[in-house]
Amino acid sequence: MRRRKSTIFFVVLGVLLIALAIALQVGWILLNLQQIALLVLGIVFFALLITGLVLNTTFLVREIRKNEQQDAFLNAVTHELKTPLASIRLYLQTLKQRDLSPEKRSEFYDIMLADSDRLLGTVEQVLAASKTKEKTRRSKAAPVDLREVVAESAAQIVTRYNLPEKAIKITDGSDALMIEADREELQTVFLNLLDNAVKYSGDDPDIAVKFRLRSTGMAEVHVKDRGRGIPSSELKSIFKRFYRVRGSGASDPKGTGLGLFIVRSIVGSYGGRILVKSKGLNKGSTFIVRLPVSE
């Protein structure tokens, strides 16, 4: 409702500015152009008019882009919710109407569980995105071993996509990397990063994870893949809400456009930063998470 009122306000402002421009033009023709005072006044009004039109156009363009992103988000969420639900319904109908062997039943149960996990993951992402607006500090913060969280997240991704263990290589370190944080939130960060790395790596994911302890007291986790990569023009935009990297179309991995936004919000809430590096399309990408080590 607030955005709609803002849009109406700027549309009305644009109409009034156009009407003022027409009135000034007509008045300029009718009045004596030799009068210096009117000339200066006209120049000032014209400058203000142009400035207002530029600001109004900029606002409208931004609103159009936001609406397009929200429409894409709604379509993506609808797809992410509808597809697993339709799959589960289909398998349940098959189980009800046909007498299947125990092996086939077990296979159907596994598929339905996987679809349920996908459905739950989508819902959790939307809920996590809404929680990023909350300004209250979390009460679940406790010392967490960063290496353990990353290892658990990698194991979940390997199981989710039925990957060989070597698909995600973790280089361990000798330094203790204890972080004061909510374990579930940290796991959300690395599940999103590793999930993206797999989805954008094609049929043969090759992901490397390494740790580093900086002299500034910040722990770093590098997540590097050899996948599609990110165009340099989009590196600053990928952490925005609903934003998705432009790709080839139907073959693009599905998603809500919330994952990296959630990652940045969680990392930032603990005084950390997330960076991304990529040399361009088909050259892979590296995400670097920096978090302060607890004393």
Foldseek 3Di string as FASTA:
>chain_A
DVVVVVLVVLVVVLVVLVVVVVVLVVVCVVDDVPDPVNVVVSVVSVVVSVVSNVVSVVVVVVVVVVVVLVVLLVVLLCCLQPVLVVLLVVLVVCVVPDDDDPVVVVVSVVSNVLSVVSNVVSVVLVVLLVCLPDPDDDPQWDKDFLVVLLVVLLVVLCVSVVHDSQLEAEDDDDDTFIAGGRSVLSNLLNNLVVNVQVQQAPPRKRWYWYWDQDPVQKIKIKIWTQGFWAAPVCQVPLLDASDDGDDDPPSHDGDNSRSSVSNQSRLVVQVKGKHKDTPHTSGIIMIMIIHGGDD
